[in-house]
Amino acid sequence: MIFCFSDIDFDDVVEDYGALISPNDTVILSREITGVVDMPAEFNGNSHIFRDMIVFSKDKEIILIVSMRAKIGDRLYNSVMLIDGGKVFGVSDEIYPIKGYEKGSVVRSYLTSRGKICIFVDSDICYPQLWQSCFENCRYIFSMNSIPINRERITCAKTLARVSGKHVLAQFCDASVSINCYGRIESIKLGRMSAFYLPLSLTKGRILDRKIKFVEERGD
């Protein structure tokens, strides 16, 4: 199962919904749950925003996908971290932020215990030149959005699903949208918690063949 949470404290996620979450599930947390994270302080042990999340991921044997505002010095990034089984695999930064954030430099996918996961941060889903990462051996595509449900981003996610042959799950701050591999919306769920079952996608991309700097992250 894939669980999406927004507008809720992480402690409440664990207390109210922890019993529903099983090994091999994926849990997605919106940016409002995490807020602004001082990344150097976090990794130097002077801040502990991620500590309980990492422990929860390890104890439950799950993947956590965590949206945040990542602060590095005076710079602020619109970012998403992936944690798998208690290990931090990496952080994806928005490549084309609309305003207020620094620009990321690469598109990342993650070779997790559940297969290859591709993550798009906010407006990046709207740029087909960034879609190359989804076309080979990808099992899940997630579009992580910090805004209310948005027609343009859903349309782009539907197109990406259709041309890549993958399922796409788009999370917004007020809803989550499941789109099947034919580009059709299967369900829209509102509220602070929603759960989806997505079949594993193993088909290759159908149309696009564009190039962009791209890296894959593996856990150590």
C-alpha atoms as a PDB file:
ATOM      1  CA  MET A   1       0.000   0.000   0.000  1.00  0.00           C
ATOM      2  CA  ILE A   2       0.957   3.617  -0.448  1.00  0.00           C
ATOM      3  CA  PHE A   3      -0.154   5.993   2.303  1.00  0.00           C
ATOM      4  CA  CYS A   4      -0.244   9.775   1.784  1.00  0.00           C
ATOM      5  CA  PHE A   5      -0.368  12.180   4.739  1.00  0.00           C
ATOM      6  CA  SER A   6      -0.811  15.951   4.895  1.00  0.00           C
ATOM      7  CA  ASP A   7      -1.773  18.540   7.512  1.00  0.00           C
ATOM      8  CA  ILE A   8      -0.901  16.236  10.416  1.00  0.00           C
ATOM      9  CA  ASP A   9       1.978  15.949  12.898  1.00  0.00           C
ATOM     10  CA  PHE A  10       4.334  13.041  12.336  1.00  0.00           C
ATOM     11  CA  ASP A  11       3.682  11.812  15.901  1.00  0.00           C
ATOM     12  CA  ASP A  12       0.001  11.566  14.994  1.00  0.00           C
ATOM     13  CA  VAL A  13       0.862   9.610  11.855  1.00  0.00           C
ATOM     14  CA  VAL A  14       2.644   7.041  14.018  1.00  0.00           C
ATOM     15  CA  GLU A  15       0.051   6.977  16.795  1.00  0.00           C
ATOM     16  CA  ASP A  16      -3.149   7.084  14.731  1.00  0.00           C
ATOM     17  CA  TYR A  17      -2.127   5.145  11.622  1.00  0.00           C
ATOM     18  CA  GLY A  18       1.022   3.206  12.489  1.00  0.00           C
ATOM     19  CA  ALA A  19      -0.883  -0.034  13.042  1.00  0.00           C
ATOM     20  CA  LEU A  20      -2.164   0.102   9.446  1.00  0.00           C
ATOM     21  CA  ILE A  21       1.328   0.345   7.949  1.00  0.00           C
ATOM     22  CA  SER A  22       3.090  -2.919   7.101  1.00  0.00           C
ATOM     23  CA  PRO A  23       6.531  -3.915   5.779  1.00  0.00           C
ATOM     24  CA  ASN A  24       7.075  -2.976   2.114  1.00  0.00           C
ATOM     25  CA  ASP A  25       4.505  -0.174   2.273  1.00  0.00           C
ATOM     26  CA  THR A  26       5.388   3.346   1.147  1.00  0.00           C
ATOM     27  CA  VAL A  27       4.507   6.403   3.237  1.00  0.00           C
ATOM     28  CA  ILE A  28       4.433   9.893   1.710  1.00  0.00           C
ATOM     29  CA  LEU A  29       4.606  12.966   3.949  1.00  0.00           C
ATOM     30  CA  SER A  30       3.684  16.454   2.729  1.00  0.00           C
ATOM     31  CA  ARG A  31       5.875  19.498   3.192  1.00  0.00           C
ATOM     32  CA  GLU A  32       3.623  20.865   5.955  1.00  0.00           C
ATOM     33  CA  ILE A  33       4.528  17.906   8.179  1.00  0.00           C
ATOM     34  CA  THR A  34       8.259  18.571   8.030  1.00  0.00           C
ATOM     35  CA  GLY A  35       8.503  22.333   7.461  1.00  0.00           C
ATOM     36  CA  VAL A  36      11.895  24.016   7.093  1.00  0.00           C
ATOM     37  CA  VAL A  37      14.873  21.723   7.704  1.00  0.00           C
ATOM     38  CA  ASP A  38      18.393  23.007   8.404  1.00  0.00           C
ATOM     39  CA  MET A  39      20.183  20.274   6.467  1.00  0.00           C
ATOM     40  CA  PRO A  40      23.758  20.785   7.807  1.00  0.00           C
ATOM     41  CA  ALA A  41      22.445  20.827  11.387  1.00  0.00           C
ATOM     42  CA  GLU A  42      20.365  17.735  10.686  1.00  0.00           C
ATOM     43  CA  PHE A  43      23.239  15.657   9.334  1.00  0.00           C
ATOM     44  CA  ASN A  44      25.651  16.913  12.006  1.00  0.00           C
ATOM     45  CA  GLY A  45      23.311  15.701  14.730  1.00  0.00           C
ATOM     46  CA  ASN A  46      22.393  19.181  15.963  1.00  0.00           C
ATOM     47  CA  SER A  47      18.793  18.840  14.777  1.00  0.00           C
ATOM     48  CA  HIS A  48      16.560  15.783  14.933  1.00  0.00           C
ATOM     49  CA  ILE A  49      13.626  16.383  12.607  1.00  0.00           C
ATOM     50  CA  PHE A  50      14.396  13.189  10.668  1.00  0.00           C
ATOM     51  CA  ARG A  51      15.442  11.016  13.605  1.00  0.00           C
ATOM     52  CA  ASP A  52      11.996   9.582  14.399  1.00  0.00           C
ATOM     53  CA  MET A  53      11.216   9.186  10.694  1.00  0.00           C
ATOM     54  CA  ILE A  54      14.372   7.163  10.127  1.00  0.00           C
ATOM     55  CA  VAL A  55      13.615   4.954  13.149  1.00  0.00           C
ATOM     56  CA  PHE A  56      10.020   4.475  11.989  1.00  0.00           C
ATOM     57  CA  SER A  57      11.186   3.507   8.492  1.00  0.00           C
ATOM     58  CA  LYS A  58      13.638   0.990   9.942  1.00  0.00           C
ATOM     59  CA  ASP A  59      11.222  -0.538  12.470  1.00  0.00           C
ATOM     60  CA  LYS A  60       8.394  -0.842   9.942  1.00  0.00           C
ATOM     61  CA  GLU A  61      10.670  -1.820   7.011  1.00  0.00           C
ATOM     62  CA  ILE A  62       9.031   0.773   4.805  1.00  0.00           C
ATOM     63  CA  ILE A  63       9.918   3.541   2.398  1.00  0.00           C
ATOM     64  CA  LEU A  64       9.328   7.113   3.540  1.00  0.00           C
ATOM     65  CA  ILE A  65       9.109   9.928   0.995  1.00  0.00           C
ATOM     66  CA  VAL A  66       9.368  13.230   2.842  1.00  0.00           C
ATOM     67  CA  SER A  67       8.736  16.684   1.330  1.00  0.00           C
ATOM     68  CA  MET A  68      10.379  19.701   2.957  1.00  0.00           C
ATOM     69  CA  ARG A  69      11.934  23.124   2.609  1.00  0.00           C
ATOM     70  CA  ALA A  70      15.640  22.295   2.813  1.00  0.00           C
ATOM     71  CA  LYS A  71      17.812  25.126   4.156  1.00  0.00           C
ATOM     72  CA  ILE A  72      21.556  25.131   3.455  1.00  0.00           C
ATOM     73  CA  GLY A  73      23.153  28.320   4.714  1.00  0.00           C
ATOM     74  CA  ASP A  74      21.171  31.187   3.205  1.00  0.00           C
ATOM     75  CA  ARG A  75      19.773  29.022   0.421  1.00  0.00           C
ATOM     76  CA  LEU A  76      16.353  27.402   0.475  1.00  0.00           C
ATOM     77  CA  TYR A  77      15.428  24.420  -1.713  1.00  0.00           C
ATOM     78  CA  ASN A  78      12.096  22.790  -2.445  1.00  0.00           C
ATOM     79  CA  SER A  79      13.100  19.193  -1.763  1.00  0.00           C
ATOM     80  CA  VAL A  80      12.035  15.599  -1.199  1.00  0.00           C
ATOM     81  CA  MET A  81      14.018  13.022   0.795  1.00  0.00           C
ATOM     82  CA  LEU A  82      13.711   9.263   0.357  1.00  0.00           C
ATOM     83  CA  ILE A  83      14.334   6.932   3.329  1.00  0.00           C
ATOM     84  CA  ASP A  84      14.258   3.162   2.827  1.00  0.00           C
ATOM     85  CA  GLY A  85      14.463   0.757   5.768  1.00  0.00           C
ATOM     86  CA  GLY A  86      16.043   3.406   7.967  1.00  0.00           C
ATOM     87  CA  LYS A  87      18.618   4.512   5.365  1.00  0.00           C
ATOM     88  CA  VAL A  88      18.603   7.925   3.723  1.00  0.00           C
ATOM     89  CA  PHE A  89      18.978   7.285  -0.008  1.00  0.00           C
ATOM     90  CA  GLY A  90      19.088  10.902  -1.126  1.00  0.00           C
ATOM     91  CA  VAL A  91      17.351  14.219  -1.638  1.00  0.00           C
ATOM     92  CA  SER A  92      15.693  15.503  -4.807  1.00  0.00           C
ATOM     93  CA  ASP A  93      15.551  19.274  -5.363  1.00  0.00           C
ATOM     94  CA  GLU A  94      13.096  21.021  -7.666  1.00  0.00           C
ATOM     95  CA  ILE A  95      14.846  21.766 -10.973  1.00  0.00           C
ATOM     96  CA  TYR A  96      12.583  24.610 -12.128  1.00  0.00           C
ATOM     97  CA  PRO A  97      11.246  26.368  -9.025  1.00  0.00           C
ATOM     98  CA  ILE A  98       8.694  29.045  -9.874  1.00  0.00           C
ATOM     99  CA  LYS A  99       9.845  31.422  -7.139  1.00  0.00           C
ATOM    100  CA  GLY A 100      11.514  31.624  -3.752  1.00  0.00           C
ATOM    101  CA  TYR A 101      13.784  28.558  -4.026  1.00  0.00           C
ATOM    102  CA  GLU A 102      17.199  27.677  -5.359  1.00  0.00           C
ATOM    103  CA  LYS A 103      17.380  25.554  -8.480  1.00  0.00           C
ATOM    104  CA  GLY A 104      18.409  21.902  -8.271  1.00  0.00           C
ATOM    105  CA  SER A 105      21.018  20.496 -10.663  1.00  0.00           C
ATOM    106  CA  VAL A 106      20.058  16.892 -11.422  1.00  0.00           C
ATOM    107  CA  VAL A 107      17.051  14.594 -11.719  1.00  0.00           C
ATOM    108  CA  ARG A 108      17.224  11.649  -9.340  1.00  0.00           C
ATOM    109  CA  SER A 109      15.604   8.246  -9.156  1.00  0.00           C
ATOM    110  CA  TYR A 110      16.170   5.755  -6.366  1.00  0.00           C
ATOM    111  CA  LEU A 111      16.879   2.022  -6.563  1.00  0.00           C
ATOM    112  CA  THR A 112      14.951   0.967  -3.475  1.00  0.00           C
ATOM    113  CA  SER A 113      13.866  -2.293  -1.884  1.00  0.00           C
ATOM    114  CA  ARG A 114      10.658  -1.915  -3.901  1.00  0.00           C
ATOM    115  CA  GLY A 115      12.395  -1.220  -7.187  1.00  0.00           C
ATOM    116  CA  LYS A 116      13.195   2.012  -8.990  1.00  0.00           C
ATOM    117  CA  ILE A 117      11.257   5.071  -7.821  1.00  0.00           C
ATOM    118  CA  CYS A 118      11.176   8.350  -9.764  1.00  0.00           C
ATOM    119  CA  ILE A 119      10.247  11.559  -7.954  1.00  0.00           C
ATOM    120  CA  PHE A 120       9.173  14.899  -9.394  1.00  0.00           C
ATOM    121  CA  VAL A 121       9.083  17.960  -7.149  1.00  0.00           C
ATOM    122  CA  ASP A 122       6.303  20.496  -7.745  1.00  0.00           C
ATOM    123  CA  SER A 123       6.510  22.160 -11.195  1.00  0.00           C
ATOM    124  CA  ASP A 124       9.107  19.699 -12.555  1.00  0.00           C
ATOM    125  CA  ILE A 125       6.305  17.346 -13.646  1.00  0.00           C
ATOM    126  CA  CYS A 126       5.414  19.976 -16.289  1.00  0.00           C
ATOM    127  CA  TYR A 127       8.756  19.708 -18.160  1.00  0.00           C
ATOM    128  CA  PRO A 128       8.931  16.709 -20.528  1.00  0.00           C
ATOM    129  CA  GLN A 129      12.695  17.137 -20.879  1.00  0.00           C
ATOM    130  CA  LEU A 130      12.946  15.843 -17.286  1.00  0.00           C
ATOM    131  CA  TRP A 131      10.990  12.662 -17.921  1.00  0.00           C
ATOM    132  CA  GLN A 132      13.864  10.505 -19.204  1.00  0.00           C
ATOM    133  CA  SER A 133      14.380   8.980 -15.746  1.00  0.00           C
ATOM    134  CA  CYS A 134      10.984   7.275 -15.908  1.00  0.00           C
ATOM    135  CA  PHE A 135      11.461   5.187 -19.008  1.00  0.00           C
ATOM    136  CA  GLU A 136      13.696   2.295 -17.979  1.00  0.00           C
ATOM    137  CA  ASN A 137      12.784  -0.236 -15.292  1.00  0.00           C
ATOM    138  CA  CYS A 138      10.797   2.247 -13.213  1.00  0.00           C
ATOM    139  CA  ARG A 139       8.143   0.847 -10.871  1.00  0.00           C
ATOM    140  CA  TYR A 140       6.695   3.975  -9.306  1.00  0.00           C
ATOM    141  CA  ILE A 141       6.438   7.644 -10.268  1.00  0.00           C
ATOM    142  CA  PHE A 142       5.534  10.179  -7.594  1.00  0.00           C
ATOM    143  CA  SER A 143       4.677  13.834  -8.201  1.00  0.00           C
ATOM    144  CA  MET A 144       5.108  15.735  -4.935  1.00  0.00           C
ATOM    145  CA  ASN A 145       3.284  19.077  -4.871  1.00  0.00           C
ATOM    146  CA  SER A 146       3.142  21.756  -2.178  1.00  0.00           C
ATOM    147  CA  ILE A 147       0.054  23.454  -3.648  1.00  0.00           C
ATOM    148  CA  PRO A 148      -3.670  22.550  -3.710  1.00  0.00           C
ATOM    149  CA  ILE A 149      -4.855  20.201  -6.435  1.00  0.00           C
ATOM    150  CA  ASN A 150      -3.887  21.705  -9.781  1.00  0.00           C
ATOM    151  CA  ARG A 151      -5.330  21.001 -13.230  1.00  0.00           C
ATOM    152  CA  GLU A 152      -2.109  21.711 -15.161  1.00  0.00           C
ATOM    153  CA  ARG A 153       0.000  19.366 -13.052  1.00  0.00           C
ATOM    154  CA  ILE A 154      -2.601  16.609 -13.225  1.00  0.00           C
ATOM    155  CA  THR A 155      -2.716  16.989 -17.014  1.00  0.00           C
ATOM    156  CA  CYS A 156       1.090  16.726 -17.179  1.00  0.00           C
ATOM    157  CA  ALA A 157       1.055  13.687 -14.892  1.00  0.00           C
ATOM    158  CA  LYS A 158      -1.558  12.032 -17.104  1.00  0.00           C
ATOM    159  CA  THR A 159       0.588  12.650 -20.185  1.00  0.00           C
ATOM    160  CA  LEU A 160       3.684  11.288 -18.448  1.00  0.00           C
ATOM    161  CA  ALA A 161       1.780   8.171 -17.388  1.00  0.00           C
ATOM    162  CA  ARG A 162       0.538   7.594 -20.922  1.00  0.00           C
ATOM    163  CA  VAL A 163       3.869   8.051 -22.707  1.00  0.00           C
ATOM    164  CA  SER A 164       5.904   6.150 -20.112  1.00  0.00           C
ATOM    165  CA  GLY A 165       3.458   3.314 -19.479  1.00  0.00           C
ATOM    166  CA  LYS A 166       3.759   3.827 -15.709  1.00  0.00           C
ATOM    167  CA  HIS A 167       1.338   4.556 -12.900  1.00  0.00           C
ATOM    168  CA  VAL A 168       1.719   8.037 -11.408  1.00  0.00           C
ATOM    169  CA  LEU A 169       0.672   9.119  -7.936  1.00  0.00           C
ATOM    170  CA  ALA A 170       0.359  12.897  -7.502  1.00  0.00           C
ATOM    171  CA  GLN A 171       0.170  14.275  -3.963  1.00  0.00           C
ATOM    172  CA  PHE A 172      -1.116  17.786  -3.303  1.00  0.00           C
ATOM    173  CA  CYS A 173      -1.590  19.560   0.016  1.00  0.00           C
ATOM    174  CA  ASP A 174      -5.337  18.856  -0.066  1.00  0.00           C
ATOM    175  CA  ALA A 175      -5.669  15.657  -2.137  1.00  0.00           C
ATOM    176  CA  SER A 176      -3.896  12.704  -3.725  1.00  0.00           C
ATOM    177  CA  VAL A 177      -4.551  11.529  -7.286  1.00  0.00           C
ATOM    178  CA  SER A 178      -3.877   8.054  -8.704  1.00  0.00           C
ATOM    179  CA  ILE A 179      -3.333   7.912 -12.480  1.00  0.00           C
ATOM    180  CA  ASN A 180      -3.046   4.604 -14.328  1.00  0.00           C
ATOM    181  CA  CYS A 181      -0.543   3.684 -17.030  1.00  0.00           C
ATOM    182  CA  TYR A 182      -2.990   4.777 -19.767  1.00  0.00           C
ATOM    183  CA  GLY A 183      -3.143   8.320 -18.402  1.00  0.00           C
ATOM    184  CA  ARG A 184      -6.566   7.980 -16.820  1.00  0.00           C
ATOM    185  CA  ILE A 185      -7.427   9.066 -13.293  1.00  0.00           C
ATOM    186  CA  GLU A 186      -8.352   6.040 -11.210  1.00  0.00           C
ATOM    187  CA  SER A 187      -9.132   7.840  -7.952  1.00  0.00           C
ATOM    188  CA  ILE A 188      -8.942  11.177  -6.162  1.00  0.00           C
ATOM    189  CA  LYS A 189      -8.837  11.093  -2.377  1.00  0.00           C
ATOM    190  CA  LEU A 190      -9.199  14.072  -0.063  1.00  0.00           C
ATOM    191  CA  GLY A 191      -8.230  14.560   3.554  1.00  0.00           C
ATOM    192  CA  ARG A 192      -5.167  14.251   5.737  1.00  0.00           C
ATOM    193  CA  MET A 193      -4.729  10.514   5.039  1.00  0.00           C
ATOM    194  CA  SER A 194      -5.321   8.509   1.892  1.00  0.00           C
ATOM    195  CA  ALA A 195      -4.249   5.028   0.851  1.00  0.00           C
ATOM    196  CA  PHE A 196      -3.718   3.529  -2.598  1.00  0.00           C
ATOM    197  CA  TYR A 197      -2.746   0.230  -4.134  1.00  0.00           C
ATOM    198  CA  LEU A 198      -0.604   0.722  -7.233  1.00  0.00           C
ATOM    199  CA  PRO A 199       0.408  -2.292  -9.307  1.00  0.00           C
ATOM    200  CA  LEU A 200       4.103  -2.449 -10.101  1.00  0.00           C
ATOM    201  CA  SER A 201       4.908  -0.871 -13.478  1.00  0.00           C
ATOM    202  CA  LEU A 202       7.612  -2.583 -15.508  1.00  0.00           C
ATOM    203  CA  THR A 203       6.856  -1.471 -19.078  1.00  0.00           C
ATOM    204  CA  LYS A 204       9.371   0.606 -21.004  1.00  0.00           C
ATOM    205  CA  GLY A 205       8.649   4.144 -22.169  1.00  0.00           C
ATOM    206  CA  ARG A 206       6.600   4.432 -25.342  1.00  0.00           C
ATOM    207  CA  ILE A 207       7.513   7.721 -27.006  1.00  0.00           C
ATOM    208  CA  LEU A 208      10.102  10.115 -25.663  1.00  0.00           C
ATOM    209  CA  ASP A 209      13.853   9.847 -26.068  1.00  0.00           C
ATOM    210  CA  ARG A 210      15.326  13.019 -24.564  1.00  0.00           C
ATOM    211  CA  LYS A 211      18.565  13.510 -22.708  1.00  0.00           C
ATOM    212  CA  ILE A 212      19.274  15.266 -19.421  1.00  0.00           C
ATOM    213  CA  LYS A 213      21.836  14.948 -16.672  1.00  0.00           C
ATOM    214  CA  PHE A 214      20.496  12.130 -14.500  1.00  0.00           C
ATOM    215  CA  VAL A 215      21.692  10.103 -11.547  1.00  0.00           C
ATOM    216  CA  GLU A 216      20.413   7.042  -9.716  1.00  0.00           C
ATOM    217  CA  GLU A 217      20.850   6.760  -5.955  1.00  0.00           C
ATOM    218  CA  ARG A 218      21.496   3.464  -4.181  1.00  0.00           C
ATOM    219  CA  GLY A 219      21.484   2.746  -0.480  1.00  0.00           C
ATOM    220  CA  ASP A 220      24.813   1.782   1.059  1.00  0.00           C
END
